[in-house]
N, C-alpha and C. Protein backbone atom coordinates (compact mmCIF):
# COMPACT_ATOMS: atom_id res chain seq x y z
N MET A 1 88.57 188.85 179.84
CA MET A 1 88.26 189.96 180.72
C MET A 1 86.95 189.73 181.46
N GLY A 2 86.02 188.98 180.89
CA GLY A 2 84.73 188.74 181.52
C GLY A 2 84.85 188.01 182.85
N LEU A 3 85.72 187.00 182.92
CA LEU A 3 85.89 186.24 184.15
C LEU A 3 86.56 187.09 185.23
N ILE A 4 87.55 187.87 184.85
CA ILE A 4 88.23 188.73 185.83
C ILE A 4 87.25 189.77 186.38
N TRP A 5 86.43 190.34 185.52
CA TRP A 5 85.43 191.32 185.96
C TRP A 5 84.43 190.66 186.89
N THR A 6 84.01 189.43 186.59
CA THR A 6 83.08 188.70 187.44
C THR A 6 83.68 188.48 188.82
N ILE A 7 84.97 188.16 188.89
CA ILE A 7 85.64 187.95 190.16
C ILE A 7 85.69 189.24 190.98
N ILE A 8 86.04 190.34 190.33
CA ILE A 8 86.12 191.63 191.03
C ILE A 8 84.75 192.06 191.54
N VAL A 9 83.76 192.00 190.67
CA VAL A 9 82.40 192.37 191.06
C VAL A 9 81.90 191.41 192.13
N GLY A 10 82.22 190.13 191.98
CA GLY A 10 81.80 189.13 192.96
C GLY A 10 82.36 189.39 194.34
N PHE A 11 83.63 189.76 194.41
CA PHE A 11 84.23 190.07 195.70
C PHE A 11 83.49 191.23 196.37
N LEU A 12 83.28 192.29 195.62
CA LEU A 12 82.58 193.45 196.18
C LEU A 12 81.14 193.10 196.57
N ALA A 13 80.50 192.26 195.76
CA ALA A 13 79.13 191.85 196.06
C ALA A 13 79.08 191.01 197.33
N GLY A 14 80.08 190.16 197.56
CA GLY A 14 80.12 189.36 198.77
C GLY A 14 80.23 190.23 200.02
N VAL A 15 81.03 191.27 199.94
CA VAL A 15 81.18 192.19 201.07
C VAL A 15 79.85 192.91 201.33
N VAL A 16 79.22 193.41 200.28
CA VAL A 16 77.95 194.12 200.44
C VAL A 16 76.87 193.17 200.95
N ALA A 17 76.83 191.94 200.44
CA ALA A 17 75.82 190.97 200.86
C ALA A 17 75.94 190.66 202.35
N LYS A 18 77.17 190.56 202.85
CA LYS A 18 77.34 190.30 204.29
C LYS A 18 76.84 191.46 205.13
N PHE A 19 76.96 192.69 204.63
CA PHE A 19 76.45 193.84 205.36
C PHE A 19 74.92 193.89 205.33
N ILE A 20 74.33 193.44 204.22
CA ILE A 20 72.87 193.49 204.06
C ILE A 20 72.19 192.36 204.82
N PHE A 21 72.78 191.17 204.80
CA PHE A 21 72.15 189.98 205.37
C PHE A 21 71.99 190.13 206.88
N PRO A 22 70.78 189.89 207.40
CA PRO A 22 70.58 190.04 208.85
C PRO A 22 71.28 188.92 209.63
N GLY A 23 71.66 189.23 210.85
CA GLY A 23 72.30 188.25 211.71
C GLY A 23 73.81 188.31 211.61
N LYS A 24 74.45 187.57 212.49
CA LYS A 24 75.91 187.55 212.53
C LYS A 24 76.42 186.36 211.75
N GLU A 25 77.32 186.62 210.85
CA GLU A 25 77.97 185.57 210.07
C GLU A 25 79.41 185.44 210.55
N THR A 26 79.91 184.24 210.60
CA THR A 26 81.26 184.00 211.11
C THR A 26 82.26 183.75 209.98
N MET A 27 81.88 184.11 208.77
CA MET A 27 82.77 183.91 207.63
C MET A 27 83.93 184.89 207.67
N GLY A 28 85.08 184.40 207.30
CA GLY A 28 86.24 185.27 207.20
C GLY A 28 86.34 185.92 205.83
N PHE A 29 87.46 186.56 205.60
CA PHE A 29 87.69 187.29 204.36
C PHE A 29 87.65 186.36 203.15
N LEU A 30 88.30 185.20 203.25
CA LEU A 30 88.36 184.27 202.13
C LEU A 30 86.98 183.73 201.77
N MET A 31 86.21 183.34 202.77
CA MET A 31 84.87 182.81 202.50
C MET A 31 83.95 183.90 201.95
N THR A 32 84.11 185.13 202.40
CA THR A 32 83.33 186.23 201.86
C THR A 32 83.64 186.42 200.38
N THR A 33 84.92 186.34 200.04
CA THR A 33 85.33 186.46 198.64
C THR A 33 84.75 185.34 197.81
N VAL A 34 84.85 184.11 198.31
CA VAL A 34 84.30 182.95 197.58
C VAL A 34 82.79 183.07 197.44
N LEU A 35 82.12 183.52 198.49
CA LEU A 35 80.67 183.71 198.45
C LEU A 35 80.28 184.70 197.36
N GLY A 36 80.96 185.82 197.32
CA GLY A 36 80.64 186.85 196.32
C GLY A 36 80.92 186.39 194.90
N ILE A 37 82.05 185.72 194.70
CA ILE A 37 82.38 185.22 193.36
C ILE A 37 81.38 184.17 192.92
N ALA A 38 81.03 183.26 193.84
CA ALA A 38 80.03 182.24 193.51
C ALA A 38 78.68 182.88 193.22
N GLY A 39 78.33 183.92 193.97
CA GLY A 39 77.07 184.63 193.72
C GLY A 39 77.06 185.31 192.37
N ALA A 40 78.18 185.90 191.99
CA ALA A 40 78.27 186.54 190.68
C ALA A 40 78.19 185.51 189.57
N LEU A 41 78.86 184.37 189.75
CA LEU A 41 78.80 183.31 188.75
C LEU A 41 77.39 182.73 188.66
N LEU A 42 76.73 182.55 189.81
CA LEU A 42 75.36 182.06 189.82
C LEU A 42 74.43 183.03 189.11
N ALA A 43 74.57 184.31 189.40
CA ALA A 43 73.73 185.32 188.75
C ALA A 43 74.00 185.37 187.25
N SER A 44 75.26 185.23 186.85
CA SER A 44 75.60 185.21 185.42
C SER A 44 74.96 184.01 184.74
N PHE A 45 75.08 182.84 185.37
CA PHE A 45 74.51 181.62 184.79
C PHE A 45 73.00 181.72 184.67
N LEU A 46 72.34 182.13 185.75
CA LEU A 46 70.88 182.25 185.70
C LEU A 46 70.43 183.33 184.73
N GLY A 47 71.16 184.43 184.68
CA GLY A 47 70.82 185.51 183.75
C GLY A 47 70.93 185.07 182.29
N LYS A 48 71.96 184.28 181.98
CA LYS A 48 72.11 183.75 180.62
C LYS A 48 71.02 182.74 180.31
N ALA A 49 70.64 181.94 181.32
CA ALA A 49 69.62 180.92 181.11
C ALA A 49 68.26 181.52 180.78
N VAL A 50 67.94 182.66 181.38
CA VAL A 50 66.65 183.29 181.12
C VAL A 50 66.72 184.36 180.04
N GLY A 51 67.91 184.60 179.49
CA GLY A 51 68.05 185.53 178.38
C GLY A 51 68.34 186.97 178.75
N TRP A 52 68.70 187.24 180.01
CA TRP A 52 69.01 188.61 180.41
C TRP A 52 70.39 189.03 179.96
N TYR A 53 71.32 188.09 179.87
CA TYR A 53 72.70 188.39 179.50
C TYR A 53 73.06 187.65 178.22
N GLU A 54 73.91 188.27 177.43
CA GLU A 54 74.44 187.65 176.23
C GLU A 54 75.58 186.71 176.60
N PRO A 55 75.92 185.75 175.72
CA PRO A 55 77.09 184.89 175.99
C PRO A 55 78.35 185.73 176.18
N GLY A 56 79.11 185.42 177.21
CA GLY A 56 80.33 186.16 177.52
C GLY A 56 80.11 187.38 178.40
N GLN A 57 78.86 187.70 178.68
CA GLN A 57 78.55 188.86 179.51
C GLN A 57 78.27 188.37 180.93
N GLY A 58 78.87 189.03 181.90
CA GLY A 58 78.66 188.66 183.30
C GLY A 58 77.52 189.42 183.92
N ALA A 59 77.17 189.00 185.11
CA ALA A 59 76.11 189.68 185.86
C ALA A 59 76.59 191.05 186.30
N GLY A 60 75.68 191.95 186.43
CA GLY A 60 76.00 193.27 186.95
C GLY A 60 76.16 193.22 188.46
N PHE A 61 76.47 194.35 189.03
CA PHE A 61 76.74 194.41 190.46
C PHE A 61 75.52 194.02 191.29
N ILE A 62 74.35 194.52 190.92
CA ILE A 62 73.13 194.20 191.68
C ILE A 62 72.79 192.72 191.53
N GLY A 63 72.94 192.17 190.34
CA GLY A 63 72.71 190.75 190.15
C GLY A 63 73.66 189.89 190.97
N ALA A 64 74.90 190.31 191.06
CA ALA A 64 75.89 189.59 191.86
C ALA A 64 75.55 189.65 193.34
N ILE A 65 75.05 190.80 193.80
CA ILE A 65 74.64 190.92 195.20
C ILE A 65 73.47 189.99 195.48
N VAL A 66 72.50 189.95 194.57
CA VAL A 66 71.35 189.07 194.75
C VAL A 66 71.80 187.61 194.77
N GLY A 67 72.70 187.24 193.87
CA GLY A 67 73.23 185.87 193.87
C GLY A 67 73.97 185.55 195.15
N ALA A 68 74.76 186.49 195.65
CA ALA A 68 75.50 186.29 196.90
C ALA A 68 74.53 186.19 198.09
N LEU A 69 73.49 187.01 198.10
CA LEU A 69 72.49 186.93 199.17
C LEU A 69 71.79 185.58 199.16
N LEU A 70 71.47 185.09 197.97
CA LEU A 70 70.84 183.78 197.86
C LEU A 70 71.75 182.69 198.42
N LEU A 71 73.02 182.72 198.05
CA LEU A 71 73.96 181.73 198.57
C LEU A 71 74.19 181.89 200.07
N LEU A 72 74.21 183.12 200.55
CA LEU A 72 74.37 183.35 201.98
C LEU A 72 73.17 182.82 202.76
N TRP A 73 71.99 182.98 202.22
CA TRP A 73 70.79 182.45 202.85
C TRP A 73 70.85 180.93 202.92
N ILE A 74 71.25 180.29 201.80
CA ILE A 74 71.39 178.83 201.78
C ILE A 74 72.45 178.39 202.78
N TYR A 75 73.57 179.10 202.84
CA TYR A 75 74.65 178.78 203.77
C TYR A 75 74.17 178.88 205.22
N SER A 76 73.40 179.92 205.53
CA SER A 76 72.91 180.08 206.91
C SER A 76 71.93 178.97 207.27
N LYS A 77 71.10 178.55 206.32
CA LYS A 77 70.17 177.45 206.59
C LYS A 77 70.93 176.14 206.82
N MET A 78 71.98 175.92 206.07
CA MET A 78 72.78 174.70 206.25
C MET A 78 73.50 174.73 207.60
N GLN A 79 73.97 175.90 208.02
CA GLN A 79 74.66 176.02 209.31
C GLN A 79 73.70 175.75 210.46
N LYS A 80 72.50 176.27 210.37
CA LYS A 80 71.49 176.03 211.43
C LYS A 80 71.09 174.57 211.49
N LYS A 81 70.97 173.95 210.33
CA LYS A 81 70.59 172.54 210.28
C LYS A 81 71.69 171.68 210.88
N GLY A 82 72.94 172.03 210.62
CA GLY A 82 74.06 171.26 211.15
C GLY A 82 74.30 171.50 212.63
N ALA A 83 73.84 172.65 213.15
CA ALA A 83 74.07 172.99 214.54
C ALA A 83 72.99 172.43 215.46
N ALA A 84 71.90 171.95 214.89
CA ALA A 84 70.80 171.44 215.71
C ALA A 84 71.20 170.12 216.37
N PRO A 85 70.89 169.97 217.66
CA PRO A 85 71.23 168.71 218.34
C PRO A 85 70.38 167.58 217.81
N SER A 86 70.99 166.42 217.68
CA SER A 86 70.26 165.25 217.18
C SER A 86 69.60 164.53 218.36
N ALA A 87 68.41 164.04 218.12
CA ALA A 87 67.67 163.37 219.19
C ALA A 87 67.79 161.88 219.11
């Protein structure tokens, strides 16, 4: 049940993160879902590493949003770097 809950929370967190993040993102529905799930998994992993979560416990909704925002920020930096003309 922990993984399924992480996926559900992650999806919702991805949607909220896209609304919070400044600027226009061109991600579709599938990428938003993947972003949110990855953010929730990242937040769960980091939370367990620092002792905030017990084994088998996933990140909460706010933690998943923070993880998704972090990944969205990294994604936007990679997109800008790839879009820059080479000299």
